[in-house]
């Protein structure tokens, strides 16, 4: 579909033709892709990978200017256009129009890579998501773009004609997915639920007031024509995103209730950011290794999280220069998280969730990468620790 859109832009003679029936362009030998298609693929994947790598090296999102914002929007548009191709293939499957544009199959084959690039770009830096979860995000994003285009076409929107906006439906689905990822990665479950319910209520209220009910679009019934129909579709996308976020928040709240981490002042801990997650630095009561009945307040780095406890690495301000099994955490680089020159003990300590009480910040990416490379076998772990009283 994107190749036809590019062709339509390149030649005014194609402005009234169907998306897949756009004027033909010279095709690269063996690839069946025009130069415009190749440029679109490059815009969809290369900048997204660059943004992902630069974000990881910097330990978080970097500040960008107006040109950076524009490049990000162009990248999202290009990625959404590529991810709209599977829907176009489904819509034109078995027709002569699809036979005239074999590049549609090549673009459909590339669409998973575009989805993976966007998912990698917007993954949380700490903790970094694992490959299966990253693939799941990419698959859901591709399915959302495909479903959005099919739903828009079924509701009567001109998504495949020159009068339509091309990959606008897929772009709306991409932006909604990115917003859900941001809320899921950075907000506690209770805030997610409140935000989802608020957004859902606003969308329903706006749809009823303006007679542009987005739910009708998803059922295949036209809510109107022209701008009203487009508004109804956008409301439908927002409502679906709100429902997905609400279900995710409910699942996480149920998990906290099941594991008992919802109570015991959990709602007051660091503005509700609970339970502790890998890659975070917390203040906790850590029992002494020699005498478990006594404990000390100290910062710890969360290594792994389980249903009722977490495995942590203790952080000490005692000078451990030259000591084997410790990493130096210079205050000049850690001043936003730690208060003193510190050292990280590379020995795992299991700690009950009741011992954690204050989130200090995130581990620096270089140290976190070094820690993840270490072998923390069971023989190197400390004795079990008790629950804070």
Protein backbone atom coordinates (compact mmCIF):
# COMPACT_ATOMS: atom_id res chain seq x y z
CA UNK A 1 0.00 0.00 0.00
CA UNK A 2 2.79 2.44 0.84
CA UNK A 3 4.40 1.94 -2.56
CA UNK A 4 1.15 2.90 -4.21
CA UNK A 5 0.85 5.92 -1.94
CA UNK A 6 4.36 6.98 -2.89
CA UNK A 7 3.53 6.44 -6.53
CA UNK A 8 0.44 8.56 -6.19
CA UNK A 9 2.50 11.36 -4.66
CA UNK A 10 5.10 11.05 -7.41
CA UNK A 11 2.54 11.34 -10.22
CA UNK A 12 -0.54 13.53 -10.19
CA UNK A 13 -2.09 11.33 -12.86
CA UNK A 14 -2.71 8.65 -10.23
CA UNK A 15 -4.59 10.89 -7.79
CA UNK A 16 -8.02 9.39 -8.44
CA UNK A 17 -7.07 5.73 -8.54
CA UNK A 18 -7.46 3.06 -5.89
CA UNK A 19 -4.54 2.66 -3.48
CA UNK A 20 -3.37 -0.65 -4.88
CA UNK A 21 -4.13 0.44 -8.46
CA UNK A 22 -1.65 3.34 -8.46
CA UNK A 23 0.59 3.98 -11.45
CA UNK A 24 3.47 1.59 -11.86
CA UNK A 25 7.03 2.63 -11.14
CA UNK A 26 10.35 1.13 -12.18
CA UNK A 27 10.98 -1.98 -10.12
CA UNK A 28 14.32 -3.08 -8.73
CA UNK A 29 15.39 -6.36 -10.39
CA UNK A 30 14.52 -9.36 -8.25
CA UNK A 31 13.18 -7.26 -5.37
CA UNK A 32 9.94 -6.04 -6.95
CA UNK A 33 10.30 -2.90 -4.86
CA UNK A 34 10.56 0.64 -6.16
CA UNK A 35 13.04 3.16 -4.82
CA UNK A 36 10.17 4.82 -2.91
CA UNK A 37 9.33 1.50 -1.21
CA UNK A 38 12.96 0.98 -0.22
CA UNK A 39 13.13 4.52 1.15
CA UNK A 40 9.97 3.92 3.16
CA UNK A 41 11.39 0.72 4.64
CA UNK A 42 14.60 2.51 5.56
CA UNK A 43 12.63 5.33 7.26
CA UNK A 44 10.53 2.80 9.15
CA UNK A 45 13.41 0.73 10.56
CA UNK A 46 16.75 2.59 10.58
CA UNK A 47 15.76 5.65 12.67
CA UNK A 48 13.80 3.48 15.13
CA UNK A 49 16.84 1.25 15.70
CA UNK A 50 19.04 4.35 16.10
CA UNK A 51 16.65 5.83 18.70
CA UNK A 52 16.58 2.50 20.56
CA UNK A 53 20.39 2.22 20.68
CA UNK A 54 20.93 5.86 21.65
CA UNK A 55 18.33 5.59 24.41
CA UNK A 56 20.04 2.52 25.88
CA UNK A 57 23.52 4.02 25.75
CA UNK A 58 22.32 7.16 27.44
CA UNK A 59 20.49 5.26 30.16
CA UNK A 60 17.15 6.81 29.23
CA UNK A 61 15.33 9.01 26.74
CA UNK A 62 17.42 11.86 25.41
CA UNK A 63 16.29 15.43 24.97
CA UNK A 64 15.46 16.30 21.39
CA UNK A 65 14.67 19.49 19.55
CA UNK A 66 12.06 20.28 16.95
CA UNK A 67 13.93 18.42 14.20
CA UNK A 68 14.23 15.38 16.45
CA UNK A 69 10.50 15.40 17.16
CA UNK A 70 9.77 15.74 13.45
CA UNK A 71 12.08 12.82 12.63
CA UNK A 72 10.34 10.68 15.25
CA UNK A 73 6.93 11.49 13.80
CA UNK A 74 8.15 10.67 10.28
CA UNK A 75 9.59 7.39 11.57
CA UNK A 76 6.31 6.45 13.22
CA UNK A 77 4.39 7.38 10.07
CA UNK A 78 6.71 5.28 7.89
CA UNK A 79 6.53 2.33 10.28
CA UNK A 80 2.74 2.56 10.43
CA UNK A 81 2.53 2.68 6.64
CA UNK A 82 4.61 -0.48 6.32
CA UNK A 83 2.54 -2.20 9.04
CA UNK A 84 -0.66 -1.32 7.16
CA UNK A 85 0.33 -3.56 4.25
CA UNK A 86 -0.92 -6.87 5.77
CA UNK A 87 -4.41 -5.37 6.01
CA UNK A 88 -4.19 -4.25 2.38
CA UNK A 89 -3.19 -7.75 1.29
CA UNK A 90 -6.15 -9.20 3.19
CA UNK A 91 -8.55 -6.67 1.66
CA UNK A 92 -7.37 -7.30 -1.91
CA UNK A 93 -6.59 -11.00 -1.62
CA UNK A 94 -7.73 -12.85 -4.74
CA UNK A 95 -8.22 -9.71 -6.82
CA UNK A 96 -6.41 -8.60 -9.95
CA UNK A 97 -5.28 -5.41 -8.21
CA UNK A 98 -3.08 -7.40 -5.84
CA UNK A 99 -1.63 -9.30 -8.78
CA UNK A 100 -0.53 -6.04 -10.38
CA UNK A 101 1.40 -5.03 -7.28
CA UNK A 102 3.60 -7.92 -6.12
CA UNK A 103 5.59 -5.45 -4.00
CA UNK A 104 2.70 -5.64 -1.53
CA UNK A 105 3.84 -9.14 -0.54
CA UNK A 106 7.41 -7.98 -0.01
CA UNK A 107 6.25 -5.04 2.12
CA UNK A 108 4.04 -7.40 4.15
CA UNK A 109 7.08 -9.60 4.79
CA UNK A 110 9.01 -6.56 6.04
CA UNK A 111 6.18 -5.32 8.31
CA UNK A 112 7.13 -7.58 11.29
CA UNK A 113 10.60 -6.03 11.32
CA UNK A 114 9.10 -2.54 11.36
CA UNK A 115 6.90 -3.57 14.30
CA UNK A 116 9.91 -5.05 16.11
CA UNK A 117 11.92 -1.85 15.55
CA UNK A 118 9.15 0.31 17.03
CA UNK A 119 8.68 -2.07 19.98
CA UNK A 120 12.41 -2.05 20.66
CA UNK A 121 12.47 1.74 20.41
CA UNK A 122 9.76 2.21 23.04
CA UNK A 123 10.77 -0.55 25.45
CA UNK A 124 11.67 0.48 29.01
CA UNK A 125 15.39 0.92 29.61
CA UNK A 126 15.21 -0.42 33.18
CA UNK A 127 14.56 -3.21 33.41
CA UNK A 128 15.15 -4.12 29.77
CA UNK A 129 12.41 -6.40 28.48
CA UNK A 130 13.34 -9.90 27.46
CA UNK A 131 13.15 -11.08 23.87
CA UNK A 132 9.88 -13.08 24.20
CA UNK A 133 8.10 -10.08 25.71
CA UNK A 134 9.59 -7.80 23.04
CA UNK A 135 8.35 -10.15 20.30
CA UNK A 136 4.93 -10.18 21.97
CA UNK A 137 4.80 -6.39 21.91
CA UNK A 138 5.79 -6.32 18.26
CA UNK A 139 3.17 -8.91 17.37
CA UNK A 140 0.43 -7.03 19.20
CA UNK A 141 1.47 -3.78 17.52
CA UNK A 142 1.32 -5.37 14.07
CA UNK A 143 -2.07 -6.90 14.88
CA UNK A 144 -3.34 -3.52 16.13
CA UNK A 145 -2.30 -1.77 12.90
CA UNK A 146 -3.85 -4.50 10.75
CA UNK A 147 -7.06 -4.51 12.78
CA UNK A 148 -7.30 -0.72 12.71
CA UNK A 149 -7.10 -0.57 8.91
CA UNK A 150 -9.63 -3.40 8.49
CA UNK A 151 -12.01 -1.80 11.01
CA UNK A 152 -11.69 1.58 9.31
CA UNK A 153 -12.44 0.05 5.92
CA UNK A 154 -15.40 -1.91 7.30
CA UNK A 155 -16.89 1.21 8.86
CA UNK A 156 -16.87 3.03 5.52
CA UNK A 157 -13.73 5.14 5.78
CA UNK A 158 -11.93 5.74 2.46
CA UNK A 159 -8.67 4.20 3.59
CA UNK A 160 -7.76 2.79 0.15
CA UNK A 161 -8.62 5.73 -2.06
CA UNK A 162 -6.93 9.00 -2.89
CA UNK A 163 -9.57 10.78 -0.80
CA UNK A 164 -8.49 8.86 2.30
CA UNK A 165 -5.42 9.39 4.47
CA UNK A 166 -3.65 6.16 3.62
CA UNK A 167 -1.92 4.75 6.70
CA UNK A 168 -3.68 7.15 9.08
CA UNK A 169 -5.61 4.32 10.68
CA UNK A 170 -2.42 2.34 11.31
CA UNK A 171 -0.70 5.46 12.64
CA UNK A 172 -3.53 6.01 15.13
CA UNK A 173 -3.15 2.41 16.31
CA UNK A 174 0.64 2.83 16.65
CA UNK A 175 0.35 6.01 18.71
CA UNK A 176 -2.28 4.38 20.94
CA UNK A 177 -0.02 1.34 21.46
CA UNK A 178 2.96 3.55 22.35
CA UNK A 179 0.79 5.44 24.87
CA UNK A 180 -0.34 2.16 26.48
CA UNK A 181 3.28 0.98 26.69
CA UNK A 182 4.31 4.23 28.36
CA UNK A 183 1.56 3.97 30.96
CA UNK A 184 2.22 0.28 31.59
CA UNK A 185 5.98 0.80 32.03
CA UNK A 186 5.98 4.00 34.11
CA UNK A 187 2.72 4.19 36.08
CA UNK A 188 1.64 2.03 39.01
CA UNK A 189 -1.41 -0.19 38.43
CA UNK A 190 -3.80 2.00 40.41
CA UNK A 191 -2.90 5.08 38.38
CA UNK A 192 -3.23 3.03 35.20
CA UNK A 193 -6.76 2.05 36.18
CA UNK A 194 -7.73 5.61 37.07
CA UNK A 195 -6.31 6.96 33.81
CA UNK A 196 -8.00 4.25 31.72
CA UNK A 197 -11.41 4.80 33.34
CA UNK A 198 -11.08 8.58 32.91
CA UNK A 199 -10.12 8.27 29.23
CA UNK A 200 -12.91 5.78 28.59
CA UNK A 201 -15.46 8.09 30.19
CA UNK A 202 -14.24 11.12 28.24
CA UNK A 203 -14.38 9.23 24.92
CA UNK A 204 -17.89 7.91 25.57
CA UNK A 205 -19.05 11.36 26.65
CA UNK A 206 -17.53 12.98 23.58
CA UNK A 207 -19.07 10.36 21.31
CA UNK A 208 -22.53 10.77 22.76
CA UNK A 209 -22.34 14.56 22.73
CA UNK A 210 -21.11 14.86 19.15
CA UNK A 211 -23.03 11.83 17.85
CA UNK A 212 -19.72 10.29 16.79
CA UNK A 213 -19.81 7.07 18.77
CA UNK A 214 -16.59 5.21 18.22
CA UNK A 215 -18.09 1.89 19.34
CA UNK A 216 -20.43 1.92 16.33
CA UNK A 217 -17.40 2.09 14.05
CA UNK A 218 -16.06 -1.16 15.47
CA UNK A 219 -19.41 -2.89 14.82
CA UNK A 220 -19.38 -1.90 11.15
CA UNK A 221 -22.17 0.65 11.40
CA UNK A 222 -21.42 4.09 10.09
CA UNK A 223 -21.65 6.81 12.71
CA UNK A 224 -21.97 9.51 10.10
CA UNK A 225 -19.91 10.77 7.20
CA UNK A 226 -16.85 12.90 6.57
CA UNK A 227 -15.16 14.31 9.65
CA UNK A 228 -17.75 12.80 11.97
CA UNK A 229 -16.82 9.33 10.79
CA UNK A 230 -13.10 10.00 11.21
CA UNK A 231 -13.72 11.38 14.72
CA UNK A 232 -15.73 8.26 15.56
CA UNK A 233 -12.87 6.04 14.42
CA UNK A 234 -10.31 7.94 16.50
CA UNK A 235 -12.62 7.69 19.52
CA UNK A 236 -12.87 3.95 18.89
CA UNK A 237 -9.07 3.62 18.90
CA UNK A 238 -8.82 5.53 22.19
CA UNK A 239 -11.56 3.43 23.75
CA UNK A 240 -9.86 0.18 22.79
CA UNK A 241 -6.56 1.48 24.19
CA UNK A 242 -8.30 2.46 27.44
CA UNK A 243 -9.90 -0.98 27.76
CA UNK A 244 -6.55 -2.72 27.18
CA UNK A 245 -4.86 -0.53 29.80
CA UNK A 246 -7.70 -1.15 32.25
CA UNK A 247 -7.41 -4.93 31.80
CA UNK A 248 -3.63 -4.74 32.30
CA UNK A 249 -4.06 -2.65 35.46
CA UNK A 250 -6.66 -5.08 36.79
CA UNK A 251 -4.37 -8.04 36.15
CA UNK A 252 -1.48 -6.36 38.00
CA UNK A 253 -3.67 -5.29 40.91
CA UNK A 254 -4.96 -8.86 41.18
CA UNK A 255 -1.36 -10.09 41.25
CA UNK A 256 -0.49 -7.68 44.06
CA UNK A 257 -3.56 -8.75 45.99
CA UNK A 258 -2.70 -12.43 45.49
CA UNK A 259 0.90 -12.00 46.67
CA UNK A 260 0.00 -9.74 49.58
CA UNK A 261 2.02 -6.80 48.25
CA UNK A 262 -1.02 -4.56 47.94
CA UNK A 263 -1.28 -3.92 51.68
CA UNK A 264 1.22 -3.03 54.42
CA UNK A 265 1.63 0.59 53.33
CA UNK A 266 2.36 -0.53 49.77
CA UNK A 267 0.20 2.27 48.42
CA UNK A 268 2.37 4.83 50.25
CA UNK A 269 5.69 3.51 49.04
CA UNK A 270 7.25 5.83 46.47
CA UNK A 271 3.94 7.12 45.12
CA UNK A 272 2.59 3.63 44.55
CA UNK A 273 5.51 2.27 42.50
CA UNK A 274 5.22 -1.17 43.95
CA UNK A 275 6.41 -3.93 44.10
CA UNK A 276 10.16 -3.49 43.50
CA UNK A 277 11.39 -4.35 40.01
CA UNK A 278 14.77 -5.48 38.65
CA UNK A 279 17.11 -2.60 37.91
CA UNK A 280 15.72 -0.39 40.70
CA UNK A 281 17.63 0.85 43.75
CA UNK A 282 15.60 0.79 46.99
CA UNK A 283 16.18 1.54 50.64
CA UNK A 284 15.40 -1.55 52.69
CA UNK A 285 15.91 -3.13 56.08
CA UNK A 286 18.51 -5.84 55.45
CA UNK A 287 19.12 -8.37 58.27
CA UNK A 288 22.75 -8.98 59.17
CA UNK A 289 24.28 -12.13 57.75
CA UNK A 290 25.66 -13.16 61.14
CA UNK A 291 22.51 -12.42 63.18
CA UNK A 292 19.21 -12.40 61.31
CA UNK A 293 17.40 -10.84 64.29
CA UNK A 294 19.19 -7.51 63.71
CA UNK A 295 19.00 -5.43 60.55
CA UNK A 296 20.33 -2.26 59.00
CA UNK A 297 18.80 0.34 56.72
CA UNK A 298 20.80 0.31 53.48
CA UNK A 299 20.34 0.80 49.71
CA UNK A 300 20.01 -2.34 47.63
CA UNK A 301 19.87 -3.10 43.92
CA UNK A 302 17.00 -5.38 42.91
CA UNK A 303 18.37 -8.21 40.77
CA UNK A 304 15.33 -10.47 40.38
CA UNK A 305 11.71 -10.29 41.58
CA UNK A 306 9.47 -13.19 42.59
CA UNK A 307 5.94 -13.57 43.96
CA UNK A 308 6.76 -12.90 47.63
CA UNK A 309 10.38 -11.73 47.69
CA UNK A 310 13.20 -10.26 45.63
CA UNK A 311 16.87 -11.08 45.24
CA UNK A 312 19.05 -8.02 45.84
CA UNK A 313 22.66 -6.89 45.85
CA UNK A 314 23.60 -4.82 48.89
CA UNK A 315 25.21 -1.39 48.54
CA UNK A 316 27.64 -0.24 51.21
CA UNK A 317 29.45 3.03 51.87
CA UNK A 318 32.43 1.24 53.46
CA UNK A 319 35.53 1.55 51.30
CA UNK A 320 35.93 -1.73 49.41
CA UNK A 321 38.62 -0.57 47.01
CA UNK A 322 40.61 -3.57 45.86
CA UNK A 323 38.19 -6.05 47.41
CA UNK A 324 37.15 -8.91 45.16
CA UNK A 325 33.42 -9.16 44.60
CA UNK A 326 32.59 -5.45 44.75
CA UNK A 327 31.88 -2.79 42.11
CA UNK A 328 32.69 0.84 42.76
CA UNK A 329 29.75 3.25 42.43
CA UNK A 330 31.33 6.73 42.22
CA UNK A 331 29.19 9.44 43.77
CA UNK A 332 29.88 11.76 40.83
CA UNK A 333 27.84 9.44 38.62
CA UNK A 334 25.39 8.15 41.24
CA UNK A 335 24.57 11.40 43.08
CA UNK A 336 20.93 11.27 41.92
CA UNK A 337 20.46 7.83 43.51
CA UNK A 338 23.01 7.51 46.34
CA UNK A 339 24.18 9.94 49.01
CA UNK A 340 27.72 8.64 49.55
CA UNK A 341 30.61 7.05 47.69
CA UNK A 342 29.48 3.43 47.57
CA UNK A 343 30.36 -0.11 46.53
CA UNK A 344 28.04 -2.83 45.22
CA UNK A 345 28.46 -6.24 46.82
CA UNK A 346 28.23 -8.94 44.14
CA UNK A 347 26.53 -11.43 46.42
CA UNK A 348 22.83 -12.21 46.19
CA UNK A 349 20.60 -11.73 49.24
CA UNK A 350 16.93 -12.79 49.24
CA UNK A 351 14.73 -10.13 50.81
CA UNK A 352 11.01 -10.17 51.61
CA UNK A 353 8.92 -7.38 50.08
CA UNK A 354 7.98 -6.13 53.53
CA UNK A 355 11.56 -4.97 54.03
CA UNK A 356 11.46 -2.45 51.15
CA UNK A 357 10.15 1.02 51.86
CA UNK A 358 11.63 3.71 49.58
CA UNK A 359 12.54 3.76 45.90
CA UNK A 360 15.75 5.74 45.33
CA UNK A 361 16.11 5.48 41.56
CA UNK A 362 17.41 3.34 38.71
CA UNK A 363 20.70 1.55 38.28
CA UNK A 364 23.00 3.07 35.67
CA UNK A 365 22.93 1.07 32.47
CA UNK A 366 26.64 0.25 32.41
CA UNK A 367 26.58 -1.20 35.94
CA UNK A 368 23.32 -3.05 35.25
CA UNK A 369 24.82 -4.61 32.13
CA UNK A 370 27.89 -5.70 34.11
CA UNK A 371 25.71 -7.17 36.85
CA UNK A 372 23.59 -9.13 34.38
CA UNK A 373 26.75 -10.67 32.93
CA UNK A 374 27.79 -12.08 36.31
CA UNK A 375 27.11 -15.65 37.38
CA UNK A 376 25.09 -15.62 40.60
CA UNK A 377 24.88 -19.31 41.32
CA UNK A 378 22.99 -20.58 44.43
CA UNK A 379 26.29 -21.25 46.18
CA UNK A 380 27.14 -17.54 46.14
CA UNK A 381 23.92 -16.41 47.81
CA UNK A 382 23.64 -15.19 51.35
CA UNK A 383 21.50 -16.80 53.99
CA UNK A 384 17.74 -16.14 53.91
CA UNK A 385 16.47 -12.92 55.43
CA UNK A 386 13.44 -12.28 57.51
CA UNK A 387 10.56 -9.90 57.07
CA UNK A 388 10.82 -6.38 58.44
CA UNK A 389 8.87 -5.90 61.64
